[in-house]
Amino acid sequence: MKQLTLPIAMARAPTLDAFCAGPNEPALAHLRLWTGSPTRSPVPTYLWGGAASGKTHLLQAVQASLREQGASVGWLDAGMAEPPEFDERWAVVLMDDVHLYTAVQQHAAFNWFVNAQALQRGVLSAGLLPPADLQLREDLRTRLGWGHVFHLQVLSEPERRSVLRQAADARGVFLGDDVMDFMLSRFSRDLGSLMQLLEQLDAYALQTKRAVTIPLIRSMLENE
């Protein structure tokens, strides 16, 4: 069954507060403390887990939080064919999807890591696999696993349903089982995306003075 993609206008910037941790609470607590500390530890942190486990959400949330504090942040992901040189003004280096890095990106990542450590700057990275299983150059792979390592687990469907139901109840929104089934089968199962969908549904239901039903969801998408 084809999944629907939320329109760009519906998406909100990821935040730590919007991350539904579930079994990943230790990782979230660590990042809250690390991001909020004025004397940020230079010990690197690595997050790993399957698709939709929240890795990119957390990295982007940390990036947004640090920028709000006025900090400059270096960002590298697998889509950047020509990574920039390390900038000494960066307070933190963030590296996403490291398991997909090309030789050029691995060279840049290693250079960023070494410079960040020399200047006592933070390094937060994420990948699909644990450090020992990454098919990367050895000097980069070992550095990624040197500090704090957290395994992010994808929430089970019952956990996603429970979190979504609680969030809807808190908004005073009734989600019937048919609506819940529709949301989980037709949209991304990433919890952050589902929460954005719920927020948009709530606003649209209030605007149109209608209950949240499958026809309402279809109407909202058609009018975006």
N, C-alpha and C. Protein backbone atom coordinates (compact mmCIF):
# COMPACT_ATOMS: atom_id res chain seq x y z
N MET A 1 0.85 -1.19 0.00
CA MET A 1 0.00 0.00 0.00
C MET A 1 0.89 1.25 0.00
N LYS A 2 0.63 2.15 -0.94
CA LYS A 2 1.46 3.34 -1.07
C LYS A 2 1.23 4.29 0.09
N GLN A 3 2.35 4.80 0.64
CA GLN A 3 2.25 5.76 1.74
C GLN A 3 2.19 7.17 1.18
N LEU A 4 1.45 8.02 1.87
CA LEU A 4 1.33 9.42 1.47
C LEU A 4 2.39 10.24 2.18
N THR A 5 2.86 11.27 1.49
CA THR A 5 3.87 12.15 2.06
C THR A 5 3.22 13.45 2.48
N LEU A 6 3.55 13.90 3.68
CA LEU A 6 2.99 15.17 4.14
C LEU A 6 3.54 16.32 3.30
N PRO A 7 2.70 17.30 2.92
CA PRO A 7 3.20 18.46 2.20
C PRO A 7 4.26 19.18 3.02
N ILE A 8 5.20 19.81 2.31
CA ILE A 8 6.30 20.51 2.98
C ILE A 8 5.77 21.54 3.97
N ALA A 9 4.68 22.20 3.62
CA ALA A 9 4.14 23.25 4.48
C ALA A 9 3.70 22.71 5.83
N MET A 10 3.45 21.39 5.89
CA MET A 10 2.96 20.81 7.14
C MET A 10 4.09 20.47 8.09
N ALA A 11 5.29 20.34 7.56
CA ALA A 11 6.40 19.87 8.38
C ALA A 11 6.92 20.97 9.30
N ARG A 12 7.29 20.58 10.50
CA ARG A 12 7.89 21.52 11.44
C ARG A 12 9.32 21.08 11.71
N ALA A 13 10.16 22.02 12.11
CA ALA A 13 11.53 21.69 12.43
C ALA A 13 11.56 20.75 13.63
N PRO A 14 12.36 19.70 13.58
CA PRO A 14 12.44 18.76 14.71
C PRO A 14 12.97 19.44 15.97
N THR A 15 12.44 19.05 17.12
CA THR A 15 12.92 19.55 18.41
C THR A 15 13.10 18.36 19.34
N LEU A 16 13.89 18.56 20.38
CA LEU A 16 14.04 17.50 21.38
C LEU A 16 12.73 17.26 22.11
N ASP A 17 11.96 18.33 22.34
CA ASP A 17 10.69 18.18 23.04
C ASP A 17 9.69 17.36 22.23
N ALA A 18 9.82 17.40 20.91
CA ALA A 18 8.87 16.69 20.05
C ALA A 18 9.27 15.24 19.82
N PHE A 19 10.42 14.83 20.36
CA PHE A 19 10.88 13.45 20.16
C PHE A 19 10.19 12.54 21.17
N CYS A 20 9.43 11.58 20.68
CA CYS A 20 8.74 10.63 21.54
C CYS A 20 9.70 9.47 21.83
N ALA A 21 10.30 9.49 22.99
CA ALA A 21 11.44 8.64 23.27
C ALA A 21 11.10 7.16 23.44
N GLY A 22 10.07 6.87 24.22
CA GLY A 22 9.79 5.47 24.50
C GLY A 22 11.01 4.80 25.11
N PRO A 23 11.48 3.69 24.52
CA PRO A 23 12.65 3.00 25.05
C PRO A 23 13.96 3.76 24.83
N ASN A 24 13.90 4.88 24.10
CA ASN A 24 15.10 5.65 23.80
C ASN A 24 15.30 6.83 24.75
N GLU A 25 14.66 6.78 25.89
CA GLU A 25 14.76 7.88 26.87
C GLU A 25 16.20 8.15 27.30
N PRO A 26 17.05 7.12 27.53
CA PRO A 26 18.44 7.42 27.94
C PRO A 26 19.18 8.29 26.92
N ALA A 27 18.98 8.03 25.64
CA ALA A 27 19.64 8.83 24.60
C ALA A 27 19.11 10.25 24.61
N LEU A 28 17.80 10.42 24.75
CA LEU A 28 17.21 11.76 24.78
C LEU A 28 17.70 12.53 26.00
N ALA A 29 17.72 11.88 27.16
CA ALA A 29 18.19 12.55 28.38
C ALA A 29 19.64 12.99 28.23
N HIS A 30 20.45 12.14 27.61
CA HIS A 30 21.87 12.48 27.40
C HIS A 30 21.99 13.71 26.51
N LEU A 31 21.23 13.76 25.43
CA LEU A 31 21.33 14.88 24.49
C LEU A 31 20.77 16.16 25.09
N ARG A 32 19.73 16.06 25.90
CA ARG A 32 19.21 17.25 26.58
C ARG A 32 20.28 17.86 27.47
N LEU A 33 20.93 17.01 28.26
CA LEU A 33 21.96 17.48 29.18
C LEU A 33 23.14 18.05 28.41
N TRP A 34 23.55 17.34 27.39
CA TRP A 34 24.72 17.73 26.60
C TRP A 34 24.47 19.04 25.85
N THR A 35 23.29 19.16 25.24
CA THR A 35 22.98 20.36 24.47
C THR A 35 22.79 21.58 25.36
N GLY A 36 22.23 21.36 26.54
CA GLY A 36 21.93 22.49 27.43
C GLY A 36 23.06 22.94 28.31
N SER A 37 24.18 22.19 28.31
CA SER A 37 25.29 22.54 29.19
C SER A 37 26.21 23.58 28.57
N PRO A 38 26.51 24.66 29.30
CA PRO A 38 27.45 25.66 28.76
C PRO A 38 28.88 25.13 28.68
N THR A 39 29.17 24.08 29.46
CA THR A 39 30.49 23.45 29.41
C THR A 39 30.33 22.07 28.79
N ARG A 40 29.97 22.05 27.52
CA ARG A 40 29.63 20.83 26.80
C ARG A 40 30.82 19.87 26.75
N SER A 41 30.58 18.61 27.07
CA SER A 41 31.63 17.61 27.07
C SER A 41 32.13 17.35 25.64
N PRO A 42 33.45 17.26 25.45
CA PRO A 42 33.99 16.95 24.12
C PRO A 42 33.97 15.46 23.80
N VAL A 43 33.55 14.63 24.77
CA VAL A 43 33.48 13.18 24.52
C VAL A 43 32.42 12.94 23.44
N PRO A 44 32.76 12.27 22.34
CA PRO A 44 31.82 12.09 21.24
C PRO A 44 30.65 11.18 21.59
N THR A 45 29.56 11.36 20.87
CA THR A 45 28.36 10.54 21.03
C THR A 45 27.97 9.98 19.67
N TYR A 46 27.61 8.70 19.66
CA TYR A 46 27.20 8.05 18.42
C TYR A 46 25.84 7.38 18.64
N LEU A 47 24.89 7.65 17.72
CA LEU A 47 23.56 7.05 17.76
C LEU A 47 23.43 6.08 16.60
N TRP A 48 22.90 4.89 16.87
CA TRP A 48 22.68 3.98 15.76
C TRP A 48 21.34 3.28 15.91
N GLY A 49 20.76 2.91 14.78
CA GLY A 49 19.47 2.24 14.80
C GLY A 49 18.87 2.21 13.42
N GLY A 50 17.79 1.47 13.27
CA GLY A 50 17.15 1.31 11.98
C GLY A 50 16.43 2.55 11.50
N ALA A 51 15.91 2.45 10.28
CA ALA A 51 15.14 3.56 9.71
C ALA A 51 13.96 3.88 10.61
N ALA A 52 13.64 5.16 10.75
CA ALA A 52 12.52 5.65 11.56
C ALA A 52 12.76 5.49 13.05
N SER A 53 14.01 5.30 13.46
CA SER A 53 14.30 5.22 14.89
C SER A 53 14.54 6.60 15.49
N GLY A 54 14.67 7.63 14.64
CA GLY A 54 14.78 9.00 15.14
C GLY A 54 16.17 9.61 15.10
N LYS A 55 17.10 8.97 14.42
CA LYS A 55 18.48 9.47 14.40
C LYS A 55 18.58 10.88 13.82
N THR A 56 18.04 11.05 12.63
CA THR A 56 18.13 12.36 11.97
C THR A 56 17.33 13.40 12.73
N HIS A 57 16.18 13.02 13.25
CA HIS A 57 15.37 13.94 14.06
C HIS A 57 16.20 14.50 15.21
N LEU A 58 16.90 13.62 15.92
CA LEU A 58 17.68 14.06 17.08
C LEU A 58 18.84 14.96 16.66
N LEU A 59 19.53 14.61 15.58
CA LEU A 59 20.63 15.45 15.13
C LEU A 59 20.14 16.83 14.71
N GLN A 60 19.03 16.86 13.97
CA GLN A 60 18.49 18.15 13.53
C GLN A 60 17.96 18.96 14.72
N ALA A 61 17.40 18.26 15.72
CA ALA A 61 16.91 18.95 16.91
C ALA A 61 18.07 19.57 17.69
N VAL A 62 19.16 18.83 17.81
CA VAL A 62 20.35 19.37 18.48
C VAL A 62 20.89 20.57 17.71
N GLN A 63 20.93 20.45 16.39
CA GLN A 63 21.40 21.56 15.56
C GLN A 63 20.54 22.81 15.79
N ALA A 64 19.21 22.64 15.80
CA ALA A 64 18.32 23.77 15.99
C ALA A 64 18.49 24.38 17.38
N SER A 65 18.62 23.53 18.39
CA SER A 65 18.78 24.01 19.76
C SER A 65 20.06 24.81 19.92
N LEU A 66 21.15 24.32 19.35
CA LEU A 66 22.43 25.02 19.47
C LEU A 66 22.41 26.35 18.72
N ARG A 67 21.77 26.35 17.57
CA ARG A 67 21.69 27.60 16.81
C ARG A 67 20.87 28.64 17.56
N GLU A 68 19.82 28.19 18.25
CA GLU A 68 19.03 29.12 19.06
C GLU A 68 19.88 29.74 20.17
N GLN A 69 20.89 28.98 20.61
CA GLN A 69 21.80 29.49 21.64
C GLN A 69 22.90 30.37 21.06
N GLY A 70 22.89 30.53 19.72
CA GLY A 70 23.89 31.36 19.07
C GLY A 70 25.15 30.64 18.68
N ALA A 71 25.14 29.30 18.76
CA ALA A 71 26.33 28.52 18.43
C ALA A 71 26.37 28.19 16.94
N SER A 72 27.56 28.14 16.39
CA SER A 72 27.76 27.73 15.01
C SER A 72 28.00 26.23 14.99
N VAL A 73 27.39 25.54 14.02
CA VAL A 73 27.43 24.08 14.01
C VAL A 73 27.84 23.57 12.63
N GLY A 74 28.72 22.58 12.60
CA GLY A 74 29.08 21.93 11.34
C GLY A 74 28.17 20.75 11.08
N TRP A 75 27.71 20.60 9.85
CA TRP A 75 26.79 19.50 9.50
C TRP A 75 27.32 18.76 8.28
N LEU A 76 27.33 17.42 8.38
CA LEU A 76 27.74 16.59 7.25
C LEU A 76 26.79 15.41 7.14
N ASP A 77 26.26 15.21 5.93
CA ASP A 77 25.46 14.01 5.69
C ASP A 77 25.83 13.43 4.34
N ALA A 78 25.25 12.28 4.02
CA ALA A 78 25.64 11.55 2.82
C ALA A 78 25.25 12.26 1.52
N GLY A 79 24.41 13.27 1.61
CA GLY A 79 24.00 14.00 0.42
C GLY A 79 24.95 15.13 0.04
N MET A 80 25.96 15.39 0.87
CA MET A 80 26.90 16.48 0.60
C MET A 80 28.13 15.93 -0.13
N ALA A 81 28.13 16.08 -1.45
CA ALA A 81 29.21 15.49 -2.27
C ALA A 81 30.56 16.14 -1.99
N GLU A 82 30.54 17.44 -1.69
CA GLU A 82 31.80 18.16 -1.44
C GLU A 82 31.72 18.84 -0.07
N PRO A 83 32.06 18.13 0.99
CA PRO A 83 32.00 18.71 2.34
C PRO A 83 32.94 19.90 2.48
N PRO A 84 32.56 20.90 3.25
CA PRO A 84 33.44 22.05 3.46
C PRO A 84 34.59 21.70 4.40
N GLU A 85 35.56 22.57 4.45
CA GLU A 85 36.67 22.41 5.39
C GLU A 85 36.16 22.66 6.81
N PHE A 86 36.84 22.09 7.78
CA PHE A 86 36.49 22.32 9.18
C PHE A 86 36.61 23.80 9.51
N ASP A 87 35.64 24.31 10.24
CA ASP A 87 35.60 25.73 10.62
C ASP A 87 35.82 25.82 12.13
N GLU A 88 36.84 26.53 12.54
CA GLU A 88 37.15 26.64 13.97
C GLU A 88 36.07 27.36 14.77
N ARG A 89 35.15 28.01 14.09
CA ARG A 89 34.06 28.69 14.79
C ARG A 89 32.98 27.70 15.22
N TRP A 90 33.01 26.49 14.68
CA TRP A 90 31.99 25.50 15.04
C TRP A 90 32.13 25.08 16.49
N ALA A 91 31.02 25.10 17.21
CA ALA A 91 31.02 24.63 18.59
C ALA A 91 30.83 23.12 18.65
N VAL A 92 30.18 22.58 17.63
CA VAL A 92 29.84 21.16 17.58
C VAL A 92 29.86 20.70 16.14
N VAL A 93 30.22 19.44 15.93
CA VAL A 93 30.17 18.81 14.62
C VAL A 93 29.09 17.73 14.64
N LEU A 94 28.18 17.77 13.67
CA LEU A 94 27.11 16.78 13.56
C LEU A 94 27.27 16.01 12.25
N MET A 95 27.27 14.68 12.33
CA MET A 95 27.48 13.86 11.14
C MET A 95 26.40 12.78 11.07
N ASP A 96 25.56 12.86 10.03
CA ASP A 96 24.42 11.94 9.91
C ASP A 96 24.66 10.90 8.82
N ASP A 97 24.05 9.72 8.98
CA ASP A 97 24.12 8.63 7.99
C ASP A 97 25.55 8.28 7.62
N VAL A 98 26.40 8.14 8.63
CA VAL A 98 27.81 7.88 8.37
C VAL A 98 28.04 6.57 7.62
N HIS A 99 27.11 5.62 7.72
CA HIS A 99 27.27 4.34 7.03
C HIS A 99 27.23 4.48 5.51
N LEU A 100 26.76 5.64 5.02
CA LEU A 100 26.65 5.87 3.59
C LEU A 100 27.78 6.74 3.03
N TYR A 101 28.72 7.13 3.86
CA TYR A 101 29.75 8.08 3.43
C TYR A 101 30.64 7.50 2.33
N THR A 102 30.92 8.33 1.34
CA THR A 102 31.89 8.00 0.30
C THR A 102 33.30 8.19 0.86
N ALA A 103 34.29 7.83 0.06
CA ALA A 103 35.69 8.02 0.48
C ALA A 103 35.97 9.49 0.76
N VAL A 104 35.43 10.37 -0.06
CA VAL A 104 35.63 11.82 0.13
C VAL A 104 34.98 12.27 1.43
N GLN A 105 33.78 11.81 1.69
CA GLN A 105 33.07 12.19 2.92
C GLN A 105 33.75 11.60 4.15
N GLN A 106 34.27 10.39 4.04
CA GLN A 106 34.99 9.79 5.16
C GLN A 106 36.26 10.58 5.48
N HIS A 107 36.93 11.04 4.45
CA HIS A 107 38.13 11.87 4.66
C HIS A 107 37.76 13.16 5.40
N ALA A 108 36.67 13.79 4.96
CA ALA A 108 36.22 15.04 5.61
C ALA A 108 35.79 14.75 7.05
N ALA A 109 35.04 13.66 7.25
CA ALA A 109 34.57 13.32 8.59
C ALA A 109 35.73 13.08 9.55
N PHE A 110 36.75 12.38 9.08
CA PHE A 110 37.92 12.14 9.93
C PHE A 110 38.61 13.45 10.27
N ASN A 111 38.77 14.32 9.27
CA ASN A 111 39.39 15.62 9.49
C ASN A 111 38.59 16.45 10.48
N TRP A 112 37.26 16.46 10.34
CA TRP A 112 36.40 17.20 11.27
C TRP A 112 36.55 16.64 12.67
N PHE A 113 36.56 15.32 12.77
CA PHE A 113 36.65 14.67 14.08
C PHE A 113 37.95 15.05 14.78
N VAL A 114 39.06 14.95 14.08
CA VAL A 114 40.37 15.24 14.66
C VAL A 114 40.45 16.70 15.10
N ASN A 115 39.98 17.61 14.25
CA ASN A 115 40.02 19.04 14.59
C ASN A 115 39.10 19.35 15.76
N ALA A 116 37.92 18.75 15.78
CA ALA A 116 36.98 18.98 16.87
C ALA A 116 37.57 18.52 18.20
N GLN A 117 38.21 17.35 18.18
CA GLN A 117 38.80 16.84 19.41
C GLN A 117 39.97 17.71 19.87
N ALA A 118 40.76 18.17 18.93
CA ALA A 118 41.91 19.01 19.28
C ALA A 118 41.47 20.32 19.92
N LEU A 119 40.31 20.81 19.48
CA LEU A 119 39.80 22.09 19.99
C LEU A 119 38.76 21.90 21.09
N GLN A 120 38.59 20.64 21.56
CA GLN A 120 37.64 20.33 22.62
C GLN A 120 36.21 20.69 22.23
N ARG A 121 35.86 20.38 20.98
CA ARG A 121 34.50 20.62 20.49
C ARG A 121 33.73 19.30 20.47
N GLY A 122 32.41 19.39 20.58
CA GLY A 122 31.59 18.20 20.61
C GLY A 122 31.42 17.56 19.25
N VAL A 123 31.24 16.25 19.24
CA VAL A 123 30.96 15.49 18.01
C VAL A 123 29.76 14.58 18.27
N LEU A 124 28.72 14.73 17.47
CA LEU A 124 27.54 13.87 17.55
C LEU A 124 27.32 13.29 16.16
N SER A 125 27.30 11.97 16.07
CA SER A 125 27.14 11.32 14.78
C SER A 125 26.11 10.21 14.87
N ALA A 126 25.65 9.75 13.69
CA ALA A 126 24.61 8.72 13.67
C ALA A 126 24.75 7.86 12.43
N GLY A 127 24.37 6.59 12.58
CA GLY A 127 24.42 5.67 11.47
C GLY A 127 23.49 4.49 11.67
N LEU A 128 23.36 3.69 10.65
CA LEU A 128 22.46 2.55 10.68
C LEU A 128 22.98 1.41 11.55
N LEU A 129 24.31 1.31 11.66
CA LEU A 129 24.94 0.16 12.30
C LEU A 129 25.76 0.57 13.52
N PRO A 130 26.04 -0.37 14.42
CA PRO A 130 26.94 -0.07 15.53
C PRO A 130 28.34 0.19 14.98
N PRO A 131 29.17 0.93 15.71
CA PRO A 131 30.50 1.30 15.20
C PRO A 131 31.32 0.12 14.68
N ALA A 132 31.29 -0.99 15.39
CA ALA A 132 32.12 -2.14 15.00
C ALA A 132 31.74 -2.71 13.64
N ASP A 133 30.50 -2.48 13.19
CA ASP A 133 30.02 -3.05 11.93
C ASP A 133 30.05 -2.07 10.77
N LEU A 134 30.47 -0.84 11.01
CA LEU A 134 30.51 0.16 9.94
C LEU A 134 31.60 -0.16 8.93
N GLN A 135 31.26 -0.12 7.65
CA GLN A 135 32.24 -0.36 6.59
C GLN A 135 32.89 0.98 6.21
N LEU A 136 33.69 1.48 7.14
CA LEU A 136 34.37 2.76 6.96
C LEU A 136 35.86 2.58 7.18
N ARG A 137 36.64 3.59 6.83
CA ARG A 137 38.07 3.53 7.11
C ARG A 137 38.28 3.35 8.62
N GLU A 138 39.25 2.57 8.97
CA GLU A 138 39.42 2.14 10.35
C GLU A 138 39.60 3.29 11.33
N ASP A 139 40.38 4.30 10.95
CA ASP A 139 40.64 5.40 11.89
C ASP A 139 39.37 6.19 12.19
N LEU A 140 38.45 6.29 11.23
CA LEU A 140 37.18 6.97 11.47
C LEU A 140 36.24 6.07 12.27
N ARG A 141 36.17 4.80 11.88
CA ARG A 141 35.26 3.87 12.55
C ARG A 141 35.55 3.77 14.04
N THR A 142 36.83 3.65 14.40
CA THR A 142 37.17 3.52 15.82
C THR A 142 36.87 4.80 16.59
N ARG A 143 37.05 5.94 15.96
CA ARG A 143 36.76 7.20 16.66
C ARG A 143 35.26 7.37 16.91
N LEU A 144 34.45 6.94 15.94
CA LEU A 144 33.00 7.06 16.11
C LEU A 144 32.51 6.26 17.32
N GLY A 145 33.18 5.15 17.62
CA GLY A 145 32.76 4.32 18.74
C GLY A 145 33.51 4.57 20.02
N TRP A 146 34.29 5.62 20.06
CA TRP A 146 35.16 5.85 21.22
C TRP A 146 34.41 6.34 22.46
N GLY A 147 33.35 7.11 22.28
CA GLY A 147 32.68 7.74 23.42
C GLY A 147 31.36 7.08 23.79
N HIS A 148 30.31 7.90 23.92
CA HIS A 148 28.98 7.40 24.28
C HIS A 148 28.31 6.80 23.04
N VAL A 149 27.78 5.60 23.16
CA VAL A 149 27.09 4.94 22.05
C VAL A 149 25.69 4.55 22.52
N PHE A 150 24.67 4.97 21.76
CA PHE A 150 23.29 4.65 22.10
C PHE A 150 22.61 3.93 20.94
N HIS A 151 21.95 2.83 21.25
CA HIS A 151 21.18 2.09 20.26
C HIS A 151 19.74 2.59 20.30
N LEU A 152 19.30 3.25 19.23
CA LEU A 152 17.93 3.74 19.15
C LEU A 152 17.03 2.64 18.60
N GLN A 153 15.96 2.37 19.31
CA GLN A 153 15.03 1.32 18.89
C GLN A 153 13.78 1.95 18.26
N VAL A 154 13.32 1.35 17.18
CA VAL A 154 12.09 1.79 16.55
C VAL A 154 10.92 1.38 17.43
N LEU A 155 10.02 2.32 17.71
CA LEU A 155 8.86 2.00 18.53
C LEU A 155 8.00 0.95 17.82
N SER A 156 7.51 0.01 18.58
CA SER A 156 6.62 -1.01 18.02
C SER A 156 5.29 -0.35 17.64
N GLU A 157 4.48 -1.04 16.84
CA GLU A 157 3.19 -0.46 16.46
C GLU A 157 2.30 -0.22 17.67
N PRO A 158 2.21 -1.15 18.62
CA PRO A 158 1.41 -0.84 19.82
C PRO A 158 1.92 0.38 20.56
N GLU A 159 3.26 0.57 20.61
CA GLU A 159 3.82 1.75 21.28
C GLU A 159 3.46 3.02 20.51
N ARG A 160 3.55 2.97 19.17
CA ARG A 160 3.19 4.13 18.36
C ARG A 160 1.71 4.48 18.54
N ARG A 161 0.87 3.45 18.55
CA ARG A 161 -0.56 3.67 18.74
C ARG A 161 -0.84 4.30 20.10
N SER A 162 -0.15 3.79 21.12
CA SER A 162 -0.37 4.30 22.47
C SER A 162 0.05 5.76 22.58
N VAL A 163 1.22 6.10 22.03
CA VAL A 163 1.70 7.48 22.09
C VAL A 163 0.78 8.40 21.30
N LEU A 164 0.37 7.94 20.12
CA LEU A 164 -0.51 8.75 19.27
C LEU A 164 -1.86 8.96 19.95
N ARG A 165 -2.38 7.92 20.58
CA ARG A 165 -3.66 8.01 21.28
C ARG A 165 -3.57 9.00 22.45
N GLN A 166 -2.47 8.92 23.22
CA GLN A 166 -2.29 9.83 24.35
C GLN A 166 -2.20 11.28 23.88
N ALA A 167 -1.46 11.49 22.78
CA ALA A 167 -1.31 12.84 22.26
C ALA A 167 -2.65 13.38 21.76
N ALA A 168 -3.45 12.52 21.13
CA ALA A 168 -4.77 12.95 20.65
C ALA A 168 -5.69 13.26 21.83
N ASP A 169 -5.67 12.40 22.84
CA ASP A 169 -6.51 12.63 24.03
C ASP A 169 -6.15 13.96 24.70
N ALA A 170 -4.85 14.25 24.75
CA ALA A 170 -4.40 15.50 25.37
C ALA A 170 -4.92 16.72 24.62
N ARG A 171 -5.16 16.56 23.31
CA ARG A 171 -5.69 17.65 22.49
C ARG A 171 -7.22 17.65 22.47
N GLY A 172 -7.82 16.63 23.08
CA GLY A 172 -9.27 16.52 23.02
C GLY A 172 -9.76 16.03 21.67
N VAL A 173 -8.90 15.29 20.97
CA VAL A 173 -9.24 14.75 19.65
C VAL A 173 -9.52 13.26 19.77
N PHE A 174 -10.67 12.83 19.26
CA PHE A 174 -11.00 11.41 19.26
C PHE A 174 -10.52 10.79 17.95
N LEU A 175 -9.66 9.77 18.07
CA LEU A 175 -9.20 9.03 16.90
C LEU A 175 -9.83 7.64 16.93
N GLY A 176 -10.76 7.39 16.03
CA GLY A 176 -11.35 6.07 15.93
C GLY A 176 -10.31 5.07 15.44
N ASP A 177 -10.59 3.79 15.66
CA ASP A 177 -9.66 2.76 15.22
C ASP A 177 -9.45 2.80 13.72
N ASP A 178 -10.50 3.14 12.96
CA ASP A 178 -10.36 3.22 11.50
C ASP A 178 -9.43 4.36 11.10
N VAL A 179 -9.52 5.48 11.81
CA VAL A 179 -8.64 6.62 11.53
C VAL A 179 -7.20 6.28 11.89
N MET A 180 -7.02 5.63 13.03
CA MET A 180 -5.68 5.22 13.44
C MET A 180 -5.07 4.26 12.43
N ASP A 181 -5.86 3.30 11.97
CA ASP A 181 -5.37 2.35 10.97
C ASP A 181 -4.98 3.07 9.69
N PHE A 182 -5.79 4.04 9.29
CA PHE A 182 -5.52 4.80 8.06
C PHE A 182 -4.22 5.59 8.19
N MET A 183 -4.04 6.24 9.32
CA MET A 183 -2.83 7.04 9.53
C MET A 183 -1.58 6.18 9.51
N LEU A 184 -1.66 5.00 10.13
CA LEU A 184 -0.49 4.14 10.24
C LEU A 184 -0.19 3.40 8.94
N SER A 185 -1.18 3.22 8.09
CA SER A 185 -0.96 2.48 6.85
C SER A 185 -0.67 3.38 5.66
N ARG A 186 -1.15 4.62 5.70
CA ARG A 186 -1.02 5.51 4.53
C ARG A 186 0.06 6.57 4.67
N PHE A 187 0.55 6.79 5.89
CA PHE A 187 1.56 7.82 6.10
C PHE A 187 2.82 7.19 6.68
N SER A 188 3.89 7.96 6.67
CA SER A 188 5.12 7.49 7.29
C SER A 188 4.86 7.08 8.73
N ARG A 189 5.45 5.95 9.13
CA ARG A 189 5.23 5.46 10.48
C ARG A 189 6.19 6.11 11.48
N ASP A 190 7.05 6.98 10.99
CA ASP A 190 7.92 7.73 11.88
C ASP A 190 7.04 8.54 12.81
N LEU A 191 7.28 8.42 14.12
CA LEU A 191 6.38 9.03 15.10
C LEU A 191 6.37 10.55 14.98
N GLY A 192 7.51 11.13 14.65
CA GLY A 192 7.55 12.58 14.49
C GLY A 192 6.61 13.04 13.38
N SER A 193 6.59 12.30 12.26
CA SER A 193 5.70 12.64 11.16
C SER A 193 4.24 12.46 11.56
N LEU A 194 3.96 11.40 12.32
CA LEU A 194 2.59 11.17 12.78
C LEU A 194 2.12 12.27 13.71
N MET A 195 3.02 12.77 14.56
CA MET A 195 2.66 13.86 15.47
C MET A 195 2.38 15.15 14.69
N GLN A 196 3.16 15.39 13.65
CA GLN A 196 2.91 16.56 12.80
C GLN A 196 1.56 16.43 12.12
N LEU A 197 1.23 15.21 11.67
CA LEU A 197 -0.05 14.97 11.04
C LEU A 197 -1.20 15.22 12.02
N LEU A 198 -1.03 14.74 13.25
CA LEU A 198 -2.07 14.94 14.27
C LEU A 198 -2.28 16.42 14.54
N GLU A 199 -1.21 17.16 14.64
CA GLU A 199 -1.32 18.61 14.90
C GLU A 199 -2.08 19.30 13.77
N GLN A 200 -1.74 18.91 12.53
CA GLN A 200 -2.41 19.52 11.38
C GLN A 200 -3.89 19.12 11.32
N LEU A 201 -4.17 17.87 11.65
CA LEU A 201 -5.55 17.40 11.66
C LEU A 201 -6.38 18.14 12.70
N ASP A 202 -5.79 18.34 13.86
CA ASP A 202 -6.49 19.06 14.94
C ASP A 202 -6.84 20.47 14.48
N ALA A 203 -5.88 21.15 13.87
CA ALA A 203 -6.11 22.52 13.41
C ALA A 203 -7.17 22.55 12.31
N TYR A 204 -7.09 21.59 11.39
CA TYR A 204 -8.04 21.57 10.27
C TYR A 204 -9.44 21.22 10.76
N ALA A 205 -9.55 20.30 11.72
CA ALA A 205 -10.85 19.93 12.28
C ALA A 205 -11.51 21.12 12.98
N LEU A 206 -10.71 21.89 13.72
CA LEU A 206 -11.23 23.08 14.39
C LEU A 206 -11.68 24.13 13.37
N GLN A 207 -10.90 24.27 12.32
CA GLN A 207 -11.20 25.27 11.29
C GLN A 207 -12.51 24.92 10.55
N THR A 208 -12.68 23.63 10.26
CA THR A 208 -13.85 23.20 9.49
C THR A 208 -15.02 22.76 10.37
N LYS A 209 -14.77 22.75 11.71
CA LYS A 209 -15.80 22.33 12.67
C LYS A 209 -16.31 20.93 12.36
N ARG A 210 -15.37 20.03 12.09
CA ARG A 210 -15.70 18.63 11.78
C ARG A 210 -14.89 17.71 12.68
N ALA A 211 -15.38 16.51 12.89
CA ALA A 211 -14.63 15.49 13.63
C ALA A 211 -13.52 14.94 12.75
N VAL A 212 -12.52 14.37 13.40
CA VAL A 212 -11.40 13.79 12.66
C VAL A 212 -11.82 12.42 12.14
N THR A 213 -12.00 12.35 10.83
CA THR A 213 -12.40 11.11 10.17
C THR A 213 -11.50 10.92 8.95
N ILE A 214 -11.63 9.78 8.30
CA ILE A 214 -10.84 9.54 7.08
C ILE A 214 -11.21 10.55 5.99
N PRO A 215 -12.51 10.84 5.76
CA PRO A 215 -12.85 11.88 4.77
C PRO A 215 -12.22 13.24 5.11
N LEU A 216 -12.13 13.56 6.41
CA LEU A 216 -11.51 14.83 6.79
C LEU A 216 -10.03 14.83 6.40
N ILE A 217 -9.35 13.72 6.63
CA ILE A 217 -7.93 13.65 6.27
C ILE A 217 -7.77 13.85 4.77
N ARG A 218 -8.60 13.17 3.99
CA ARG A 218 -8.51 13.31 2.52
C ARG A 218 -8.79 14.76 2.11
N SER A 219 -9.79 15.37 2.73
CA SER A 219 -10.13 16.76 2.41
C SER A 219 -8.96 17.69 2.74
N MET A 220 -8.32 17.47 3.89
CA MET A 220 -7.20 18.31 4.28
C MET A 220 -6.07 18.22 3.26
N LEU A 221 -5.76 17.01 2.82
CA LEU A 221 -4.68 16.82 1.85
C LEU A 221 -5.01 17.46 0.51
N GLU A 222 -6.27 17.39 0.11
CA GLU A 222 -6.67 17.97 -1.16
C GLU A 222 -6.61 19.49 -1.14
N ASN A 223 -6.77 20.07 0.04
CA ASN A 223 -6.79 21.53 0.16
C ASN A 223 -5.45 22.13 0.52
N GLU A 224 -4.42 21.31 0.67
CA GLU A 224 -3.09 21.85 0.99
C GLU A 224 -2.44 22.41 -0.25
